[in-house]
């Protein structure tokens, strides 16, 4: 499984670099653009058939943003951990750093 994730991530880097070059946008914008694309989903579910929490959170962010444009969707990584998850409709007046105060 480790080799498949590495191959997937190497391929993602190539696609992101192509987007940066083609559109003259920042790396972060290119990552966001690619991670919400159908091509990205196909890479995960059809080509490599592997993903971890970060890739799945990206797919969820893209799908929810597309299908529910008024919904606030955030991908959160806890400092010091190796885990990413989505938070939906968090009250934006609450601090992202204080989960106990979210809705």
PDB file of N, CA and C in Angstrom:
ATOM      1  N   UNK A   1       0.829  -1.197   0.000  1.00  0.00           N
ATOM      2  CA  UNK A   1       0.000   0.000   0.000  1.00  0.00           C
ATOM      3  C   UNK A   1       0.868   1.253   0.000  1.00  0.00           C
ATOM      4  N   UNK A   2       2.001   1.197   0.677  1.00  0.00           N
ATOM      5  CA  UNK A   2       2.876   2.361   0.787  1.00  0.00           C
ATOM      6  C   UNK A   2       3.360   2.823  -0.587  1.00  0.00           C
ATOM      7  N   UNK A   3       3.714   1.884  -1.471  1.00  0.00           N
ATOM      8  CA  UNK A   3       4.192   2.230  -2.811  1.00  0.00           C
ATOM      9  C   UNK A   3       3.098   2.897  -3.632  1.00  0.00           C
ATOM     10  N   UNK A   4       1.867   2.440  -3.475  1.00  0.00           N
ATOM     11  CA  UNK A   4       0.757   3.019  -4.223  1.00  0.00           C
ATOM     12  C   UNK A   4       0.501   4.462  -3.801  1.00  0.00           C
ATOM     13  N   UNK A   5       0.555   4.727  -2.501  1.00  0.00           N
ATOM     14  CA  UNK A   5       0.365   6.099  -2.007  1.00  0.00           C
ATOM     15  C   UNK A   5       1.479   6.997  -2.531  1.00  0.00           C
ATOM     16  N   UNK A   6       2.718   6.504  -2.512  1.00  0.00           N
ATOM     17  CA  UNK A   6       3.837   7.300  -3.022  1.00  0.00           C
ATOM     18  C   UNK A   6       3.659   7.604  -4.505  1.00  0.00           C
ATOM     19  N   UNK A   7       3.244   6.600  -5.286  1.00  0.00           N
ATOM     20  CA  UNK A   7       3.021   6.803  -6.719  1.00  0.00           C
ATOM     21  C   UNK A   7       1.898   7.807  -6.950  1.00  0.00           C
ATOM     22  N   UNK A   8       0.822   7.684  -6.176  1.00  0.00           N
ATOM     23  CA  UNK A   8      -0.285   8.631  -6.274  1.00  0.00           C
ATOM     24  C   UNK A   8       0.196  10.048  -5.992  1.00  0.00           C
ATOM     25  N   UNK A   9       0.910  10.221  -4.918  1.00  0.00           N
ATOM     26  CA  UNK A   9       1.360  11.564  -4.533  1.00  0.00           C
ATOM     27  C   UNK A   9       2.363  12.139  -5.527  1.00  0.00           C
ATOM     28  N   UNK A  10       3.222  11.305  -6.103  1.00  0.00           N
ATOM     29  CA  UNK A  10       4.130  11.783  -7.148  1.00  0.00           C
ATOM     30  C   UNK A  10       3.338  12.265  -8.360  1.00  0.00           C
ATOM     31  N   UNK A  11       2.312  11.521  -8.719  1.00  0.00           N
ATOM     32  CA  UNK A  11       1.468  11.904  -9.852  1.00  0.00           C
ATOM     33  C   UNK A  11       0.713  13.198  -9.560  1.00  0.00           C
ATOM     34  N   UNK A  12       0.243  13.353  -8.337  1.00  0.00           N
ATOM     35  CA  UNK A  12      -0.448  14.587  -7.938  1.00  0.00           C
ATOM     36  C   UNK A  12       0.492  15.776  -8.086  1.00  0.00           C
ATOM     37  N   UNK A  13       1.736  15.626  -7.649  1.00  0.00           N
ATOM     38  CA  UNK A  13       2.717  16.720  -7.755  1.00  0.00           C
ATOM     39  C   UNK A  13       2.912  17.147  -9.203  1.00  0.00           C
ATOM     40  N   UNK A  14       2.968  16.186 -10.115  1.00  0.00           N
ATOM     41  CA  UNK A  14       3.135  16.497 -11.539  1.00  0.00           C
ATOM     42  C   UNK A  14       1.928  17.275 -12.050  1.00  0.00           C
ATOM     43  N   UNK A  15       0.727  16.815 -11.709  1.00  0.00           N
ATOM     44  CA  UNK A  15      -0.488  17.502 -12.154  1.00  0.00           C
ATOM     45  C   UNK A  15      -0.561  18.920 -11.591  1.00  0.00           C
ATOM     46  N   UNK A  16      -0.225  19.085 -10.330  1.00  0.00           N
ATOM     47  CA  UNK A  16      -0.260  20.409  -9.697  1.00  0.00           C
ATOM     48  C   UNK A  16       0.747  21.339 -10.368  1.00  0.00           C
ATOM     49  N   UNK A  17       1.937  20.839 -10.639  1.00  0.00           N
ATOM     50  CA  UNK A  17       2.958  21.658 -11.310  1.00  0.00           C
ATOM     51  C   UNK A  17       2.487  22.074 -12.699  1.00  0.00           C
ATOM     52  N   UNK A  18       1.808  21.175 -13.403  1.00  0.00           N
ATOM     53  CA  UNK A  18       1.273  21.510 -14.728  1.00  0.00           C
ATOM     54  C   UNK A  18       0.234  22.620 -14.636  1.00  0.00           C
ATOM     55  N   UNK A  19      -0.622  22.571 -13.626  1.00  0.00           N
ATOM     56  CA  UNK A  19      -1.646  23.608 -13.436  1.00  0.00           C
ATOM     57  C   UNK A  19      -0.987  24.941 -13.113  1.00  0.00           C
ATOM     58  N   UNK A  20       0.009  24.930 -12.234  1.00  0.00           N
ATOM     59  CA  UNK A  20       0.740  26.161 -11.893  1.00  0.00           C
ATOM     60  C   UNK A  20       1.308  26.809 -13.151  1.00  0.00           C
ATOM     61  N   UNK A  21       1.954  26.003 -13.957  1.00  0.00           N
ATOM     62  CA  UNK A  21       2.608  26.507 -15.165  1.00  0.00           C
ATOM     63  C   UNK A  21       1.577  26.989 -16.190  1.00  0.00           C
ATOM     64  N   UNK A  22       0.537  26.198 -16.405  1.00  0.00           N
ATOM     65  CA  UNK A  22      -0.471  26.518 -17.424  1.00  0.00           C
ATOM     66  C   UNK A  22      -1.228  27.797 -17.099  1.00  0.00           C
ATOM     67  N   UNK A  23      -1.606  27.970 -15.831  1.00  0.00           N
ATOM     68  CA  UNK A  23      -2.454  29.103 -15.448  1.00  0.00           C
ATOM     69  C   UNK A  23      -1.703  30.210 -14.722  1.00  0.00           C
ATOM     70  N   UNK A  24      -0.426  29.996 -14.423  1.00  0.00           N
ATOM     71  CA  UNK A  24       0.362  31.012 -13.730  1.00  0.00           C
ATOM     72  C   UNK A  24      -0.172  31.330 -12.347  1.00  0.00           C
ATOM     73  N   UNK A  25      -0.590  30.283 -11.635  1.00  0.00           N
ATOM     74  CA  UNK A  25      -1.153  30.484 -10.298  1.00  0.00           C
ATOM     75  C   UNK A  25      -0.208  29.903  -9.248  1.00  0.00           C
ATOM     76  N   UNK A  26      -0.455  30.249  -7.995  1.00  0.00           N
ATOM     77  CA  UNK A  26       0.387  29.771  -6.895  1.00  0.00           C
ATOM     78  C   UNK A  26       0.218  28.269  -6.697  1.00  0.00           C
ATOM     79  N   UNK A  27       1.185  27.688  -6.020  1.00  0.00           N
ATOM     80  CA  UNK A  27       1.137  26.268  -5.715  1.00  0.00           C
ATOM     81  C   UNK A  27      -0.116  25.920  -4.932  1.00  0.00           C
ATOM     82  N   UNK A  28      -0.469  26.720  -3.928  1.00  0.00           N
ATOM     83  CA  UNK A  28      -1.647  26.431  -3.103  1.00  0.00           C
ATOM     84  C   UNK A  28      -2.921  26.464  -3.944  1.00  0.00           C
ATOM     85  N   UNK A  29      -3.055  27.454  -4.818  1.00  0.00           N
ATOM     86  CA  UNK A  29      -4.251  27.520  -5.675  1.00  0.00           C
ATOM     87  C   UNK A  29      -4.303  26.337  -6.631  1.00  0.00           C
ATOM     88  N   UNK A  30      -3.145  25.933  -7.145  1.00  0.00           N
ATOM     89  CA  UNK A  30      -3.102  24.778  -8.043  1.00  0.00           C
ATOM     90  C   UNK A  30      -3.485  23.496  -7.304  1.00  0.00           C
ATOM     91  N   UNK A  31      -3.019  23.351  -6.073  1.00  0.00           N
ATOM     92  CA  UNK A  31      -3.380  22.180  -5.261  1.00  0.00           C
ATOM     93  C   UNK A  31      -4.888  22.141  -5.043  1.00  0.00           C
ATOM     94  N   UNK A  32      -5.457  23.274  -4.685  1.00  0.00           N
ATOM     95  CA  UNK A  32      -6.902  23.331  -4.448  1.00  0.00           C
ATOM     96  C   UNK A  32      -7.658  23.008  -5.728  1.00  0.00           C
ATOM     97  N   UNK A  33      -7.250  23.622  -6.829  1.00  0.00           N
ATOM     98  CA  UNK A  33      -7.932  23.392  -8.103  1.00  0.00           C
ATOM     99  C   UNK A  33      -7.882  21.913  -8.487  1.00  0.00           C
ATOM    100  N   UNK A  34      -6.727  21.302  -8.344  1.00  0.00           N
ATOM    101  CA  UNK A  34      -6.616  19.896  -8.726  1.00  0.00           C
ATOM    102  C   UNK A  34      -7.370  18.985  -7.764  1.00  0.00           C
ATOM    103  N   UNK A  35      -7.317  19.277  -6.484  1.00  0.00           N
ATOM    104  CA  UNK A  35      -7.928  18.374  -5.495  1.00  0.00           C
ATOM    105  C   UNK A  35      -9.448  18.352  -5.552  1.00  0.00           C
ATOM    106  N   UNK A  36     -10.060  19.308  -6.228  1.00  0.00           N
ATOM    107  CA  UNK A  36     -11.520  19.289  -6.381  1.00  0.00           C
ATOM    108  C   UNK A  36     -11.935  18.847  -7.787  1.00  0.00           C
ATOM    109  N   UNK A  37     -10.976  18.393  -8.580  1.00  0.00           N
ATOM    110  CA  UNK A  37     -11.263  18.011  -9.965  1.00  0.00           C
ATOM    111  C   UNK A  37     -11.728  16.557 -10.070  1.00  0.00           C
ATOM    112  N   UNK A  38     -12.450  16.283 -11.147  1.00  0.00           N
ATOM    113  CA  UNK A  38     -12.851  14.906 -11.425  1.00  0.00           C
ATOM    114  C   UNK A  38     -11.632  14.039 -11.735  1.00  0.00           C
ATOM    115  N   UNK A  39     -10.613  14.641 -12.335  1.00  0.00           N
ATOM    116  CA  UNK A  39      -9.384  13.908 -12.635  1.00  0.00           C
ATOM    117  C   UNK A  39      -8.744  13.371 -11.348  1.00  0.00           C
ATOM    118  N   UNK A  40      -8.754  14.184 -10.303  1.00  0.00           N
ATOM    119  CA  UNK A  40      -8.213  13.761  -9.009  1.00  0.00           C
ATOM    120  C   UNK A  40      -9.009  12.574  -8.464  1.00  0.00           C
ATOM    121  N   UNK A  41     -10.331  12.669  -8.513  1.00  0.00           N
ATOM    122  CA  UNK A  41     -11.171  11.561  -8.033  1.00  0.00           C
ATOM    123  C   UNK A  41     -10.895  10.287  -8.823  1.00  0.00           C
ATOM    124  N   UNK A  42     -10.752  10.428 -10.141  1.00  0.00           N
ATOM    125  CA  UNK A  42     -10.462   9.253 -10.966  1.00  0.00           C
ATOM    126  C   UNK A  42      -9.127   8.619 -10.581  1.00  0.00           C
ATOM    127  N   UNK A  43      -8.131   9.456 -10.287  1.00  0.00           N
ATOM    128  CA  UNK A  43      -6.834   8.923  -9.867  1.00  0.00           C
ATOM    129  C   UNK A  43      -6.980   8.103  -8.588  1.00  0.00           C
ATOM    130  N   UNK A  44      -7.769   8.618  -7.648  1.00  0.00           N
ATOM    131  CA  UNK A  44      -7.935   7.919  -6.370  1.00  0.00           C
ATOM    132  C   UNK A  44      -8.726   6.630  -6.518  1.00  0.00           C
ATOM    133  N   UNK A  45      -9.868   6.721  -7.176  1.00  0.00           N
ATOM    134  CA  UNK A  45     -10.824   5.617  -7.148  1.00  0.00           C
ATOM    135  C   UNK A  45     -10.712   4.645  -8.318  1.00  0.00           C
ATOM    136  N   UNK A  46     -10.121   5.084  -9.432  1.00  0.00           N
ATOM    137  CA  UNK A  46     -10.025   4.221 -10.603  1.00  0.00           C
ATOM    138  C   UNK A  46      -8.586   3.800 -10.909  1.00  0.00           C
ATOM    139  N   UNK A  47      -7.673   4.764 -10.940  1.00  0.00           N
ATOM    140  CA  UNK A  47      -6.311   4.477 -11.362  1.00  0.00           C
ATOM    141  C   UNK A  47      -5.478   3.825 -10.254  1.00  0.00           C
ATOM    142  N   UNK A  48      -5.331   4.508  -9.115  1.00  0.00           N
ATOM    143  CA  UNK A  48      -4.481   3.997  -8.040  1.00  0.00           C
ATOM    144  C   UNK A  48      -5.249   3.175  -7.007  1.00  0.00           C
ATOM    145  N   UNK A  49      -6.522   3.448  -6.868  1.00  0.00           N
ATOM    146  CA  UNK A  49      -7.391   2.742  -5.921  1.00  0.00           C
ATOM    147  C   UNK A  49      -6.835   2.762  -4.505  1.00  0.00           C
ATOM    148  N   UNK A  50      -6.338   3.935  -4.114  1.00  0.00           N
ATOM    149  CA  UNK A  50      -5.766   4.099  -2.785  1.00  0.00           C
ATOM    150  C   UNK A  50      -5.890   5.567  -2.393  1.00  0.00           C
ATOM    151  N   UNK A  51      -6.075   5.806  -1.109  1.00  0.00           N
ATOM    152  CA  UNK A  51      -6.128   7.181  -0.587  1.00  0.00           C
ATOM    153  C   UNK A  51      -6.066   7.095   0.930  1.00  0.00           C
ATOM    154  N   UNK A  52      -5.656   8.186   1.537  1.00  0.00           N
ATOM    155  CA  UNK A  52      -5.718   8.245   2.994  1.00  0.00           C
ATOM    156  C   UNK A  52      -6.644   9.385   3.382  1.00  0.00           C
ATOM    157  N   UNK A  53      -6.645   9.751   4.643  1.00  0.00           N
ATOM    158  CA  UNK A  53      -7.600  10.747   5.130  1.00  0.00           C
ATOM    159  C   UNK A  53      -7.450  12.096   4.422  1.00  0.00           C
ATOM    160  N   UNK A  54      -6.229  12.486   4.071  1.00  0.00           N
ATOM    161  CA  UNK A  54      -6.021  13.774   3.405  1.00  0.00           C
ATOM    162  C   UNK A  54      -6.655  13.826   2.033  1.00  0.00           C
ATOM    163  N   UNK A  55      -6.434  12.790   1.240  1.00  0.00           N
ATOM    164  CA  UNK A  55      -7.031  12.751  -0.094  1.00  0.00           C
ATOM    165  C   UNK A  55      -8.554  12.657  -0.019  1.00  0.00           C
ATOM    166  N   UNK A  56      -9.047  11.852   0.893  1.00  0.00           N
ATOM    167  CA  UNK A  56     -10.502  11.713   1.035  1.00  0.00           C
ATOM    168  C   UNK A  56     -11.125  13.024   1.513  1.00  0.00           C
ATOM    169  N   UNK A  57     -10.469  13.713   2.433  1.00  0.00           N
ATOM    170  CA  UNK A  57     -10.971  15.019   2.890  1.00  0.00           C
ATOM    171  C   UNK A  57     -11.017  16.008   1.730  1.00  0.00           C
ATOM    172  N   UNK A  58     -10.015  15.958   0.841  1.00  0.00           N
ATOM    173  CA  UNK A  58     -10.016  16.835  -0.331  1.00  0.00           C
ATOM    174  C   UNK A  58     -11.192  16.534  -1.252  1.00  0.00           C
ATOM    175  N   UNK A  59     -11.453  15.251  -1.486  1.00  0.00           N
ATOM    176  CA  UNK A  59     -12.584  14.869  -2.332  1.00  0.00           C
ATOM    177  C   UNK A  59     -13.890  15.347  -1.699  1.00  0.00           C
ATOM    178  N   UNK A  60     -14.038  15.133  -0.398  1.00  0.00           N
ATOM    179  CA  UNK A  60     -15.253  15.581   0.298  1.00  0.00           C
ATOM    180  C   UNK A  60     -15.416  17.091   0.209  1.00  0.00           C
ATOM    181  N   UNK A  61     -14.332  17.827   0.388  1.00  0.00           N
ATOM    182  CA  UNK A  61     -14.391  19.285   0.289  1.00  0.00           C
ATOM    183  C   UNK A  61     -14.887  19.688  -1.087  1.00  0.00           C
ATOM    184  N   UNK A  62     -14.324  19.092  -2.114  1.00  0.00           N
ATOM    185  CA  UNK A  62     -14.727  19.417  -3.479  1.00  0.00           C
ATOM    186  C   UNK A  62     -16.171  19.071  -3.767  1.00  0.00           C
ATOM    187  N   UNK A  63     -16.575  17.870  -3.400  1.00  0.00           N
ATOM    188  CA  UNK A  63     -17.944  17.424  -3.675  1.00  0.00           C
ATOM    189  C   UNK A  63     -18.976  18.244  -2.907  1.00  0.00           C
ATOM    190  N   UNK A  64     -18.720  18.472  -1.640  1.00  0.00           N
ATOM    191  CA  UNK A  64     -19.671  19.258  -0.846  1.00  0.00           C
ATOM    192  C   UNK A  64     -19.734  20.702  -1.332  1.00  0.00           C
ATOM    193  N   UNK A  65     -18.596  21.272  -1.688  1.00  0.00           N
ATOM    194  CA  UNK A  65     -18.583  22.651  -2.181  1.00  0.00           C
ATOM    195  C   UNK A  65     -19.335  22.767  -3.505  1.00  0.00           C
ATOM    196  N   UNK A  66     -19.198  21.746  -4.353  1.00  0.00           N
ATOM    197  CA  UNK A  66     -19.886  21.744  -5.640  1.00  0.00           C
ATOM    198  C   UNK A  66     -21.395  21.592  -5.471  1.00  0.00           C
ATOM    199  N   UNK A  67     -21.789  20.653  -4.621  1.00  0.00           N
ATOM    200  CA  UNK A  67     -23.202  20.309  -4.481  1.00  0.00           C
ATOM    201  C   UNK A  67     -23.954  21.139  -3.447  1.00  0.00           C
ATOM    202  N   UNK A  68     -23.237  21.741  -2.518  1.00  0.00           N
ATOM    203  CA  UNK A  68     -23.842  22.568  -1.474  1.00  0.00           C
ATOM    204  C   UNK A  68     -23.027  23.848  -1.327  1.00  0.00           C
ATOM    205  N   UNK A  69     -23.114  24.743  -2.316  1.00  0.00           N
ATOM    206  CA  UNK A  69     -22.237  25.922  -2.332  1.00  0.00           C
ATOM    207  C   UNK A  69     -22.389  26.850  -1.131  1.00  0.00           C
ATOM    208  N   UNK A  70     -23.497  26.787  -0.427  1.00  0.00           N
ATOM    209  CA  UNK A  70     -23.677  27.660   0.737  1.00  0.00           C
ATOM    210  C   UNK A  70     -23.133  27.041   2.024  1.00  0.00           C
ATOM    211  N   UNK A  71     -22.742  25.784   1.954  1.00  0.00           N
ATOM    212  CA  UNK A  71     -22.207  25.090   3.126  1.00  0.00           C
ATOM    213  C   UNK A  71     -20.739  25.465   3.317  1.00  0.00           C
ATOM    214  N   UNK A  72     -20.364  25.744   4.553  1.00  0.00           N
ATOM    215  CA  UNK A  72     -18.959  25.981   4.869  1.00  0.00           C
ATOM    216  C   UNK A  72     -18.296  24.624   5.091  1.00  0.00           C
ATOM    217  N   UNK A  73     -17.268  24.347   4.299  1.00  0.00           N
ATOM    218  CA  UNK A  73     -16.545  23.082   4.392  1.00  0.00           C
ATOM    219  C   UNK A  73     -15.075  23.398   4.626  1.00  0.00           C
ATOM    220  N   UNK A  74     -14.520  22.827   5.683  1.00  0.00           N
ATOM    221  CA  UNK A  74     -13.113  23.054   6.006  1.00  0.00           C
ATOM    222  C   UNK A  74     -12.408  21.717   6.192  1.00  0.00           C
ATOM    223  N   UNK A  75     -11.158  21.658   5.756  1.00  0.00           N
ATOM    224  CA  UNK A  75     -10.307  20.500   6.037  1.00  0.00           C
ATOM    225  C   UNK A  75      -9.355  20.909   7.144  1.00  0.00           C
ATOM    226  N   UNK A  76      -9.324  20.132   8.197  1.00  0.00           N
ATOM    227  CA  UNK A  76      -8.558  20.470   9.391  1.00  0.00           C
ATOM    228  C   UNK A  76      -7.500  19.398   9.651  1.00  0.00           C
ATOM    229  N   UNK A  77      -6.293  19.849   9.964  1.00  0.00           N
ATOM    230  CA  UNK A  77      -5.237  18.935  10.404  1.00  0.00           C
ATOM    231  C   UNK A  77      -4.858  19.327  11.822  1.00  0.00           C
ATOM    232  N   UNK A  78      -4.891  18.374  12.714  1.00  0.00           N
ATOM    233  CA  UNK A  78      -4.546  18.643  14.104  1.00  0.00           C
ATOM    234  C   UNK A  78      -3.027  18.702  14.224  1.00  0.00           C
ATOM    235  N   UNK A  79      -2.545  19.773  14.804  1.00  0.00           N
ATOM    236  CA  UNK A  79      -1.105  19.956  14.980  1.00  0.00           C
ATOM    237  C   UNK A  79      -0.511  18.771  15.742  1.00  0.00           C
ATOM    238  N   UNK A  80       0.589  18.271  15.225  1.00  0.00           N
ATOM    239  CA  UNK A  80       1.273  17.162  15.873  1.00  0.00           C
ATOM    240  C   UNK A  80       0.697  15.798  15.532  1.00  0.00           C
ATOM    241  N   UNK A  81      -0.301  15.775  14.664  1.00  0.00           N
ATOM    242  CA  UNK A  81      -0.878  14.488  14.271  1.00  0.00           C
ATOM    243  C   UNK A  81      -0.668  14.288  12.773  1.00  0.00           C
ATOM    244  N   UNK A  82      -1.047  13.144  12.319  1.00  0.00           N
ATOM    245  CA  UNK A  82      -0.965  12.840  10.903  1.00  0.00           C
ATOM    246  C   UNK A  82      -2.368  12.514  10.405  1.00  0.00           C
ATOM    247  N   UNK A  83      -3.339  13.341  10.804  1.00  0.00           N
ATOM    248  CA  UNK A  83      -4.734  13.080  10.458  1.00  0.00           C
ATOM    249  C   UNK A  83      -5.416  14.362   9.999  1.00  0.00           C
ATOM    250  N   UNK A  84      -6.208  14.247   8.941  1.00  0.00           N
ATOM    251  CA  UNK A  84      -6.977  15.370   8.399  1.00  0.00           C
ATOM    252  C   UNK A  84      -8.434  14.943   8.352  1.00  0.00           C
ATOM    253  N   UNK A  85      -9.334  15.876   8.654  1.00  0.00           N
ATOM    254  CA  UNK A  85     -10.762  15.586   8.606  1.00  0.00           C
ATOM    255  C   UNK A  85     -11.507  16.840   8.179  1.00  0.00           C
ATOM    256  N   UNK A  86     -12.769  16.662   7.810  1.00  0.00           N
ATOM    257  CA  UNK A  86     -13.609  17.785   7.404  1.00  0.00           C
ATOM    258  C   UNK A  86     -14.473  18.258   8.557  1.00  0.00           C
ATOM    259  N   UNK A  87     -14.684  19.559   8.595  1.00  0.00           N
ATOM    260  CA  UNK A  87     -15.623  20.177   9.525  1.00  0.00           C
ATOM    261  C   UNK A  87     -16.656  20.895   8.667  1.00  0.00           C
ATOM    262  N   UNK A  88     -17.930  20.642   8.945  1.00  0.00           N
ATOM    263  CA  UNK A  88     -19.008  21.211   8.145  1.00  0.00           C
ATOM    264  C   UNK A  88     -19.780  22.249   8.934  1.00  0.00           C
ATOM    265  N   UNK A  89     -20.009  23.384   8.302  1.00  0.00           N
ATOM    266  CA  UNK A  89     -20.848  24.459   8.853  1.00  0.00           C
ATOM    267  C   UNK A  89     -20.416  24.941  10.229  1.00  0.00           C
ATOM    268  N   UNK A  90     -19.111  24.987  10.466  1.00  0.00           N
ATOM    269  CA  UNK A  90     -18.630  25.548  11.732  1.00  0.00           C
ATOM    270  C   UNK A  90     -18.996  27.019  11.771  1.00  0.00           C
ATOM    271  N   UNK A  91     -19.502  27.480  12.892  1.00  0.00           N
ATOM    272  CA  UNK A  91     -19.787  28.903  13.069  1.00  0.00           C
ATOM    273  C   UNK A  91     -18.472  29.653  12.902  1.00  0.00           C
ATOM    274  N   UNK A  92     -18.394  30.502  11.888  1.00  0.00           N
ATOM    275  CA  UNK A  92     -17.140  31.167  11.548  1.00  0.00           C
ATOM    276  C   UNK A  92     -16.712  32.210  12.576  1.00  0.00           C
ATOM    277  N   UNK A  93     -17.581  32.511  13.522  1.00  0.00           N
ATOM    278  CA  UNK A  93     -17.181  33.445  14.579  1.00  0.00           C
ATOM    279  C   UNK A  93     -16.423  32.728  15.700  1.00  0.00           C
ATOM    280  N   UNK A  94     -16.397  31.391  15.639  1.00  0.00           N
ATOM    281  CA  UNK A  94     -15.640  30.636  16.635  1.00  0.00           C
ATOM    282  C   UNK A  94     -14.215  30.419  16.134  1.00  0.00           C
ATOM    283  N   UNK A  95     -13.293  30.286  17.057  1.00  0.00           N
ATOM    284  CA  UNK A  95     -11.891  30.091  16.697  1.00  0.00           C
ATOM    285  C   UNK A  95     -11.658  28.683  16.167  1.00  0.00           C
ATOM    286  N   UNK A  96     -10.952  28.607  15.068  1.00  0.00           N
ATOM    287  CA  UNK A  96     -10.598  27.306  14.498  1.00  0.00           C
ATOM    288  C   UNK A  96      -9.715  26.510  15.463  1.00  0.00           C
ATOM    289  N   UNK A  97      -9.054  27.214  16.373  1.00  0.00           N
ATOM    290  CA  UNK A  97      -8.133  26.585  17.319  1.00  0.00           C
ATOM    291  C   UNK A  97      -8.809  26.136  18.612  1.00  0.00           C
ATOM    292  N   UNK A  98     -10.128  26.342  18.727  1.00  0.00           N
ATOM    293  CA  UNK A  98     -10.856  25.956  19.938  1.00  0.00           C
ATOM    294  C   UNK A  98     -12.065  25.087  19.584  1.00  0.00           C
ATOM    295  N   UNK A  99     -11.833  23.827  19.231  1.00  0.00           N
ATOM    296  CA  UNK A  99     -12.926  22.954  18.812  1.00  0.00           C
ATOM    297  C   UNK A  99     -14.065  22.831  19.819  1.00  0.00           C
ATOM    298  N   UNK A 100     -13.774  22.950  21.104  1.00  0.00           N
ATOM    299  CA  UNK A 100     -14.834  22.835  22.112  1.00  0.00           C
ATOM    300  C   UNK A 100     -15.863  23.950  21.982  1.00  0.00           C
ATOM    301  N   UNK A 101     -15.507  25.037  21.310  1.00  0.00           N
ATOM    302  CA  UNK A 101     -16.422  26.171  21.154  1.00  0.00           C
ATOM    303  C   UNK A 101     -17.165  26.151  19.816  1.00  0.00           C
ATOM    304  N   UNK A 102     -16.877  25.177  18.966  1.00  0.00           N
ATOM    305  CA  UNK A 102     -17.585  25.088  17.694  1.00  0.00           C
ATOM    306  C   UNK A 102     -19.034  24.725  17.969  1.00  0.00           C
ATOM    307  N   UNK A 103     -19.936  25.305  17.241  1.00  0.00           N
ATOM    308  CA  UNK A 103     -21.379  25.045  17.283  1.00  0.00           C
ATOM    309  C   UNK A 103     -21.748  24.133  18.421  1.00  0.00           C
TER     310      UNK A 103
END
